[in-house]
Amino acid sequence: MAKNNEKANSEVKNPLDAQLQKWIGHYIGVILQTSKNFSFVGIFLSILSINVSIIFWKLDQRTSFLIKQSEAVFKRLERNSPIDIGIFCNEEANLEKNNIDKCFITKIVTYGLIFRTIFFITGMIGCLGVLIFLSIINGYMILK
């Protein structure tokens, strides 16, 4: 049940993040192809990209905390239940057992790891954008 809630929460928040990052990326690409005059806008959009990554990372932390709290309640309920279900009680052990002797590509990773990786990459792209646009403004890189 908690995994379904995690999927539902991620489906709600990720389209917004994806749309924002997509539009910011498009605008940064357009600005890179224009003149030096728009480099300040590129810096602004790169900083906005960093901020959006941080905001959604913090939102993901809060959602993960709530999901872990609900999973703890379900684990207690499963342990006290006369029926041996073991969905939440055995989930971590089953995941570790499933991932033994698998390479990174075939391992099952968590939503949290995937989201943190995406937020990190997006933030780093924003930092790279700031450096590129500062280089353009200072004349270290010349646009056509």
N, C-alpha and C. Protein backbone atom coordinates (compact mmCIF):
# COMPACT_ATOMS: atom_id res chain seq x y z
N MET A 1 0.82 -1.19 0.00
CA MET A 1 0.00 0.00 0.00
C MET A 1 0.86 1.26 0.00
N ALA A 2 1.91 1.24 0.85
CA ALA A 2 2.78 2.41 0.90
C ALA A 2 3.54 2.59 -0.41
N LYS A 3 3.93 1.48 -1.04
CA LYS A 3 4.61 1.58 -2.33
C LYS A 3 3.68 2.19 -3.36
N ASN A 4 2.39 1.85 -3.31
CA ASN A 4 1.43 2.46 -4.22
C ASN A 4 1.30 3.95 -3.94
N ASN A 5 1.34 4.33 -2.64
CA ASN A 5 1.30 5.75 -2.30
C ASN A 5 2.53 6.46 -2.81
N GLU A 6 3.70 5.78 -2.72
CA GLU A 6 4.93 6.38 -3.22
C GLU A 6 4.84 6.61 -4.71
N LYS A 7 4.28 5.62 -5.43
CA LYS A 7 4.13 5.77 -6.87
C LYS A 7 3.16 6.90 -7.18
N ALA A 8 2.06 6.97 -6.42
CA ALA A 8 1.07 8.02 -6.67
C ALA A 8 1.67 9.39 -6.40
N ASN A 9 2.42 9.52 -5.29
CA ASN A 9 3.03 10.81 -4.98
C ASN A 9 4.07 11.19 -6.01
N SER A 10 4.85 10.22 -6.48
CA SER A 10 5.88 10.55 -7.47
C SER A 10 5.24 10.93 -8.80
N GLU A 11 4.12 10.30 -9.14
CA GLU A 11 3.46 10.63 -10.39
C GLU A 11 2.86 12.02 -10.34
N VAL A 12 2.47 12.47 -9.14
CA VAL A 12 1.89 13.79 -9.01
C VAL A 12 2.95 14.87 -9.12
N LYS A 13 4.11 14.67 -8.48
CA LYS A 13 5.08 15.75 -8.44
C LYS A 13 6.04 15.75 -9.62
N ASN A 14 6.33 14.60 -10.22
CA ASN A 14 7.34 14.54 -11.25
C ASN A 14 6.96 15.20 -12.56
N PRO A 15 5.70 15.15 -13.01
CA PRO A 15 5.40 15.85 -14.26
C PRO A 15 5.67 17.34 -14.17
N LEU A 16 5.40 17.94 -13.02
CA LEU A 16 5.66 19.37 -12.86
C LEU A 16 7.15 19.63 -12.93
N ASP A 17 7.94 18.85 -12.22
CA ASP A 17 9.38 19.00 -12.24
C ASP A 17 9.92 18.78 -13.65
N ALA A 18 9.43 17.75 -14.31
CA ALA A 18 9.88 17.45 -15.67
C ALA A 18 9.53 18.60 -16.62
N GLN A 19 8.34 19.13 -16.50
CA GLN A 19 7.93 20.24 -17.38
C GLN A 19 8.78 21.48 -17.13
N LEU A 20 8.99 21.82 -15.85
CA LEU A 20 9.82 22.99 -15.54
C LEU A 20 11.23 22.82 -16.08
N GLN A 21 11.81 21.65 -15.83
CA GLN A 21 13.18 21.43 -16.28
C GLN A 21 13.26 21.41 -17.80
N LYS A 22 12.22 20.87 -18.46
CA LYS A 22 12.21 20.83 -19.92
C LYS A 22 12.19 22.25 -20.49
N TRP A 23 11.32 23.10 -19.96
CA TRP A 23 11.22 24.46 -20.48
C TRP A 23 12.49 25.26 -20.16
N ILE A 24 13.01 25.10 -18.95
CA ILE A 24 14.25 25.80 -18.60
C ILE A 24 15.37 25.35 -19.53
N GLY A 25 15.45 24.04 -19.78
CA GLY A 25 16.48 23.52 -20.68
C GLY A 25 16.34 24.06 -22.09
N HIS A 26 15.09 24.15 -22.57
CA HIS A 26 14.87 24.71 -23.92
C HIS A 26 15.34 26.16 -23.98
N TYR A 27 14.97 26.95 -22.97
CA TYR A 27 15.35 28.36 -22.99
C TYR A 27 16.86 28.53 -22.88
N ILE A 28 17.51 27.71 -22.05
CA ILE A 28 18.96 27.80 -21.94
C ILE A 28 19.61 27.45 -23.28
N GLY A 29 19.10 26.44 -23.96
CA GLY A 29 19.63 26.07 -25.28
C GLY A 29 19.46 27.19 -26.29
N VAL A 30 18.30 27.84 -26.27
CA VAL A 30 18.06 28.96 -27.19
C VAL A 30 19.00 30.12 -26.87
N ILE A 31 19.18 30.40 -25.59
CA ILE A 31 20.04 31.52 -25.20
C ILE A 31 21.49 31.25 -25.59
N LEU A 32 21.93 29.98 -25.50
CA LEU A 32 23.30 29.65 -25.90
C LEU A 32 23.53 29.90 -27.39
N GLN A 33 22.47 29.87 -28.18
CA GLN A 33 22.60 30.07 -29.62
C GLN A 33 22.40 31.52 -30.03
N THR A 34 22.09 32.38 -29.08
CA THR A 34 21.87 33.79 -29.42
C THR A 34 23.09 34.61 -29.01
N SER A 35 22.90 35.90 -28.91
CA SER A 35 24.03 36.79 -28.65
C SER A 35 24.38 36.85 -27.17
N LYS A 36 25.47 37.55 -26.90
CA LYS A 36 25.99 37.72 -25.54
C LYS A 36 25.00 38.49 -24.67
N ASN A 37 24.14 39.28 -25.28
CA ASN A 37 23.21 40.12 -24.52
C ASN A 37 22.24 39.30 -23.67
N PHE A 38 21.97 38.09 -24.08
CA PHE A 38 21.01 37.26 -23.35
C PHE A 38 21.68 36.36 -22.31
N SER A 39 22.97 36.51 -22.10
CA SER A 39 23.68 35.65 -21.16
C SER A 39 23.21 35.85 -19.72
N PHE A 40 22.79 37.06 -19.39
CA PHE A 40 22.28 37.31 -18.03
C PHE A 40 20.98 36.53 -17.80
N VAL A 41 20.18 36.42 -18.83
CA VAL A 41 18.96 35.62 -18.74
C VAL A 41 19.34 34.15 -18.56
N GLY A 42 20.39 33.71 -19.25
CA GLY A 42 20.87 32.35 -19.10
C GLY A 42 21.34 32.06 -17.68
N ILE A 43 22.01 33.03 -17.06
CA ILE A 43 22.43 32.86 -15.66
C ILE A 43 21.20 32.75 -14.77
N PHE A 44 20.23 33.61 -15.00
CA PHE A 44 19.00 33.56 -14.21
C PHE A 44 18.31 32.19 -14.35
N LEU A 45 18.19 31.69 -15.58
CA LEU A 45 17.53 30.40 -15.79
C LEU A 45 18.34 29.25 -15.20
N SER A 46 19.66 29.35 -15.25
CA SER A 46 20.50 28.31 -14.65
C SER A 46 20.33 28.29 -13.14
N ILE A 47 20.29 29.46 -12.53
CA ILE A 47 20.05 29.54 -11.08
C ILE A 47 18.65 29.05 -10.75
N LEU A 48 17.68 29.36 -11.59
CA LEU A 48 16.32 28.86 -11.40
C LEU A 48 16.31 27.33 -11.47
N SER A 49 17.07 26.77 -12.39
CA SER A 49 17.17 25.31 -12.50
C SER A 49 17.74 24.70 -11.22
N ILE A 50 18.76 25.32 -10.66
CA ILE A 50 19.34 24.85 -9.40
C ILE A 50 18.30 24.91 -8.29
N ASN A 51 17.58 26.04 -8.21
CA ASN A 51 16.57 26.21 -7.16
C ASN A 51 15.43 25.21 -7.30
N VAL A 52 14.98 24.97 -8.51
CA VAL A 52 13.91 23.99 -8.73
C VAL A 52 14.37 22.60 -8.30
N SER A 53 15.60 22.27 -8.59
CA SER A 53 16.14 20.97 -8.16
C SER A 53 16.15 20.84 -6.65
N ILE A 54 16.58 21.90 -5.97
CA ILE A 54 16.62 21.87 -4.50
C ILE A 54 15.22 21.77 -3.92
N ILE A 55 14.28 22.53 -4.47
CA ILE A 55 12.90 22.51 -3.97
C ILE A 55 12.28 21.13 -4.12
N PHE A 56 12.44 20.52 -5.29
CA PHE A 56 11.85 19.20 -5.49
C PHE A 56 12.61 18.12 -4.71
N TRP A 57 13.89 18.32 -4.47
CA TRP A 57 14.64 17.39 -3.62
C TRP A 57 14.10 17.44 -2.20
N LYS A 58 13.84 18.66 -1.67
CA LYS A 58 13.28 18.78 -0.33
C LYS A 58 11.86 18.21 -0.28
N LEU A 59 11.09 18.41 -1.32
CA LEU A 59 9.75 17.83 -1.38
C LEU A 59 9.82 16.31 -1.39
N ASP A 60 10.78 15.76 -2.11
CA ASP A 60 10.98 14.32 -2.13
C ASP A 60 11.39 13.80 -0.76
N GLN A 61 12.22 14.55 -0.04
CA GLN A 61 12.60 14.14 1.32
C GLN A 61 11.37 14.05 2.22
N ARG A 62 10.52 15.04 2.13
CA ARG A 62 9.30 15.04 2.96
C ARG A 62 8.40 13.86 2.60
N THR A 63 8.21 13.62 1.33
CA THR A 63 7.37 12.51 0.88
C THR A 63 7.96 11.18 1.33
N SER A 64 9.27 11.02 1.21
CA SER A 64 9.92 9.79 1.65
C SER A 64 9.75 9.58 3.14
N PHE A 65 9.85 10.65 3.92
CA PHE A 65 9.67 10.55 5.36
C PHE A 65 8.26 10.06 5.69
N LEU A 66 7.26 10.63 5.03
CA LEU A 66 5.88 10.22 5.29
C LEU A 66 5.64 8.76 4.88
N ILE A 67 6.23 8.36 3.78
CA ILE A 67 6.06 6.98 3.32
C ILE A 67 6.73 6.02 4.31
N LYS A 68 7.91 6.36 4.80
CA LYS A 68 8.59 5.50 5.77
C LYS A 68 7.79 5.39 7.06
N GLN A 69 7.15 6.49 7.45
CA GLN A 69 6.30 6.45 8.65
C GLN A 69 5.12 5.50 8.45
N SER A 70 4.48 5.58 7.31
CA SER A 70 3.33 4.71 7.05
C SER A 70 3.77 3.25 6.91
N GLU A 71 4.94 3.02 6.32
CA GLU A 71 5.45 1.65 6.21
C GLU A 71 5.74 1.06 7.59
N ALA A 72 6.23 1.89 8.51
CA ALA A 72 6.49 1.41 9.87
C ALA A 72 5.20 0.97 10.55
N VAL A 73 4.13 1.72 10.32
CA VAL A 73 2.82 1.35 10.88
C VAL A 73 2.35 0.03 10.27
N PHE A 74 2.49 -0.11 8.96
CA PHE A 74 2.08 -1.36 8.30
C PHE A 74 2.92 -2.55 8.78
N LYS A 75 4.21 -2.33 9.04
CA LYS A 75 5.04 -3.41 9.55
C LYS A 75 4.54 -3.88 10.92
N ARG A 76 4.19 -2.91 11.78
CA ARG A 76 3.65 -3.27 13.11
C ARG A 76 2.35 -4.04 12.97
N LEU A 77 1.50 -3.59 12.05
CA LEU A 77 0.22 -4.28 11.84
C LEU A 77 0.44 -5.69 11.31
N GLU A 78 1.40 -5.86 10.40
CA GLU A 78 1.70 -7.19 9.86
C GLU A 78 2.23 -8.13 10.94
N ARG A 79 3.08 -7.60 11.79
CA ARG A 79 3.65 -8.45 12.85
C ARG A 79 2.59 -8.89 13.85
N ASN A 80 1.61 -8.04 14.08
CA ASN A 80 0.55 -8.36 15.04
C ASN A 80 -0.61 -9.12 14.39
N SER A 81 -0.56 -9.31 13.09
CA SER A 81 -1.63 -9.99 12.38
C SER A 81 -1.47 -11.51 12.49
N PRO A 82 -2.59 -12.23 12.62
CA PRO A 82 -2.50 -13.69 12.66
C PRO A 82 -2.15 -14.28 11.29
N ILE A 83 -2.36 -13.52 10.23
CA ILE A 83 -2.04 -13.97 8.88
C ILE A 83 -0.63 -13.52 8.53
N ASP A 84 0.18 -14.43 8.02
CA ASP A 84 1.56 -14.10 7.65
C ASP A 84 1.57 -13.54 6.22
N ILE A 85 1.53 -12.21 6.13
CA ILE A 85 1.55 -11.56 4.81
C ILE A 85 2.99 -11.23 4.43
N GLY A 86 3.67 -10.47 5.25
CA GLY A 86 5.09 -10.20 5.07
C GLY A 86 5.45 -9.27 3.93
N ILE A 87 4.53 -8.48 3.45
CA ILE A 87 4.85 -7.56 2.35
C ILE A 87 5.82 -6.49 2.82
N PHE A 88 5.51 -5.85 3.93
CA PHE A 88 6.35 -4.75 4.41
C PHE A 88 7.47 -5.25 5.30
N CYS A 89 7.22 -6.30 6.09
CA CYS A 89 8.25 -6.83 6.99
C CYS A 89 9.41 -7.44 6.22
N ASN A 90 9.14 -8.04 5.11
CA ASN A 90 10.18 -8.76 4.35
C ASN A 90 10.70 -8.00 3.14
N GLU A 91 10.21 -6.81 2.92
CA GLU A 91 10.53 -6.08 1.69
C GLU A 91 12.03 -5.80 1.56
N GLU A 92 12.67 -5.32 2.60
CA GLU A 92 14.09 -4.98 2.52
C GLU A 92 14.94 -6.23 2.29
N ALA A 93 14.63 -7.30 3.02
CA ALA A 93 15.39 -8.54 2.85
C ALA A 93 15.18 -9.13 1.45
N ASN A 94 13.94 -9.07 0.95
CA ASN A 94 13.67 -9.58 -0.39
C ASN A 94 14.39 -8.77 -1.46
N LEU A 95 14.46 -7.46 -1.27
CA LEU A 95 15.16 -6.60 -2.23
C LEU A 95 16.65 -6.92 -2.24
N GLU A 96 17.24 -7.05 -1.06
CA GLU A 96 18.67 -7.40 -0.99
C GLU A 96 18.93 -8.76 -1.61
N LYS A 97 18.07 -9.72 -1.32
CA LYS A 97 18.23 -11.07 -1.87
C LYS A 97 18.11 -11.04 -3.40
N ASN A 98 17.20 -10.23 -3.92
CA ASN A 98 16.99 -10.13 -5.36
C ASN A 98 18.17 -9.45 -6.07
N ASN A 99 18.86 -8.55 -5.36
CA ASN A 99 19.94 -7.78 -5.98
C ASN A 99 21.31 -8.43 -5.85
N ILE A 100 21.39 -9.55 -5.15
CA ILE A 100 22.69 -10.22 -5.00
C ILE A 100 23.17 -10.70 -6.37
N ASP A 101 24.45 -10.49 -6.62
CA ASP A 101 25.11 -10.93 -7.86
C ASP A 101 24.50 -10.33 -9.13
N LYS A 102 23.98 -9.14 -9.03
CA LYS A 102 23.48 -8.45 -10.22
C LYS A 102 24.33 -7.21 -10.46
N CYS A 103 24.51 -6.89 -11.74
CA CYS A 103 25.24 -5.67 -12.07
C CYS A 103 24.31 -4.47 -11.89
N PHE A 104 24.86 -3.29 -11.95
CA PHE A 104 24.08 -2.08 -11.67
C PHE A 104 22.88 -1.93 -12.60
N ILE A 105 23.03 -2.31 -13.84
CA ILE A 105 21.95 -2.15 -14.82
C ILE A 105 20.75 -3.03 -14.47
N THR A 106 20.98 -4.23 -13.98
CA THR A 106 19.87 -5.15 -13.71
C THR A 106 19.37 -5.11 -12.28
N LYS A 107 20.05 -4.35 -11.39
CA LYS A 107 19.60 -4.23 -10.00
C LYS A 107 18.31 -3.42 -9.93
N ILE A 108 17.52 -3.74 -8.93
CA ILE A 108 16.33 -2.94 -8.65
C ILE A 108 16.76 -1.81 -7.73
N VAL A 109 16.53 -0.58 -8.16
CA VAL A 109 16.88 0.58 -7.35
C VAL A 109 15.60 1.23 -6.85
N THR A 110 15.73 2.03 -5.82
CA THR A 110 14.56 2.66 -5.22
C THR A 110 14.20 3.95 -5.96
N TYR A 111 12.95 4.35 -5.78
CA TYR A 111 12.52 5.62 -6.36
C TYR A 111 13.36 6.77 -5.80
N GLY A 112 13.64 6.71 -4.51
CA GLY A 112 14.41 7.77 -3.87
C GLY A 112 15.78 7.96 -4.51
N LEU A 113 16.46 6.86 -4.79
CA LEU A 113 17.78 6.94 -5.42
C LEU A 113 17.67 7.55 -6.82
N ILE A 114 16.67 7.13 -7.55
CA ILE A 114 16.48 7.67 -8.90
C ILE A 114 16.19 9.17 -8.85
N PHE A 115 15.28 9.57 -7.96
CA PHE A 115 14.95 10.99 -7.86
C PHE A 115 16.15 11.82 -7.40
N ARG A 116 16.88 11.34 -6.39
CA ARG A 116 18.05 12.09 -5.92
C ARG A 116 19.09 12.23 -7.04
N THR A 117 19.25 11.20 -7.84
CA THR A 117 20.19 11.26 -8.96
C THR A 117 19.74 12.30 -9.98
N ILE A 118 18.46 12.31 -10.30
CA ILE A 118 17.93 13.28 -11.26
C ILE A 118 18.08 14.70 -10.72
N PHE A 119 17.76 14.91 -9.44
CA PHE A 119 17.89 16.25 -8.86
C PHE A 119 19.34 16.69 -8.85
N PHE A 120 20.26 15.77 -8.56
CA PHE A 120 21.68 16.11 -8.54
C PHE A 120 22.16 16.49 -9.94
N ILE A 121 21.80 15.69 -10.93
CA ILE A 121 22.23 15.97 -12.30
C ILE A 121 21.67 17.30 -12.78
N THR A 122 20.40 17.55 -12.49
CA THR A 122 19.78 18.81 -12.90
C THR A 122 20.46 20.00 -12.22
N GLY A 123 20.77 19.86 -10.95
CA GLY A 123 21.46 20.93 -10.24
C GLY A 123 22.85 21.18 -10.80
N MET A 124 23.56 20.10 -11.14
CA MET A 124 24.90 20.24 -11.71
C MET A 124 24.84 20.89 -13.10
N ILE A 125 23.81 20.55 -13.87
CA ILE A 125 23.65 21.20 -15.18
C ILE A 125 23.39 22.69 -14.99
N GLY A 126 22.61 23.04 -13.97
CA GLY A 126 22.40 24.45 -13.65
C GLY A 126 23.70 25.15 -13.28
N CYS A 127 24.53 24.49 -12.47
CA CYS A 127 25.84 25.06 -12.09
C CYS A 127 26.72 25.24 -13.33
N LEU A 128 26.72 24.24 -14.20
CA LEU A 128 27.49 24.33 -15.44
C LEU A 128 26.98 25.48 -16.30
N GLY A 129 25.65 25.66 -16.34
CA GLY A 129 25.08 26.78 -17.09
C GLY A 129 25.55 28.12 -16.57
N VAL A 130 25.58 28.27 -15.24
CA VAL A 130 26.07 29.52 -14.65
C VAL A 130 27.51 29.76 -15.08
N LEU A 131 28.35 28.73 -15.01
CA LEU A 131 29.76 28.89 -15.40
C LEU A 131 29.90 29.25 -16.87
N ILE A 132 29.12 28.59 -17.72
CA ILE A 132 29.19 28.87 -19.16
C ILE A 132 28.78 30.29 -19.46
N PHE A 133 27.66 30.73 -18.88
CA PHE A 133 27.17 32.08 -19.17
C PHE A 133 28.09 33.15 -18.56
N LEU A 134 28.69 32.86 -17.40
CA LEU A 134 29.68 33.81 -16.87
C LEU A 134 30.90 33.88 -17.78
N SER A 135 31.30 32.75 -18.35
CA SER A 135 32.42 32.75 -19.29
C SER A 135 32.09 33.55 -20.54
N ILE A 136 30.85 33.46 -20.98
CA ILE A 136 30.44 34.24 -22.17
C ILE A 136 30.45 35.72 -21.85
N ILE A 137 29.94 36.10 -20.68
CA ILE A 137 29.89 37.51 -20.31
C ILE A 137 31.32 38.07 -20.16
N ASN A 138 32.22 37.31 -19.57
CA ASN A 138 33.59 37.77 -19.36
C ASN A 138 34.47 37.65 -20.59
N GLY A 139 33.93 37.09 -21.67
CA GLY A 139 34.67 37.04 -22.92
C GLY A 139 35.56 35.82 -23.08
N TYR A 140 35.48 34.86 -22.17
CA TYR A 140 36.28 33.65 -22.32
C TYR A 140 35.71 32.72 -23.38
N MET A 141 34.41 32.83 -23.62
CA MET A 141 33.76 32.06 -24.68
C MET A 141 33.09 33.08 -25.60
N ILE A 142 33.21 32.86 -26.89
CA ILE A 142 32.65 33.82 -27.85
C ILE A 142 31.55 33.13 -28.64
N LEU A 143 30.38 33.77 -28.67
CA LEU A 143 29.27 33.27 -29.47
C LEU A 143 29.32 33.90 -30.85
N LYS A 144 28.81 33.22 -31.83
CA LYS A 144 28.79 33.74 -33.20
C LYS A 144 27.87 34.91 -33.33
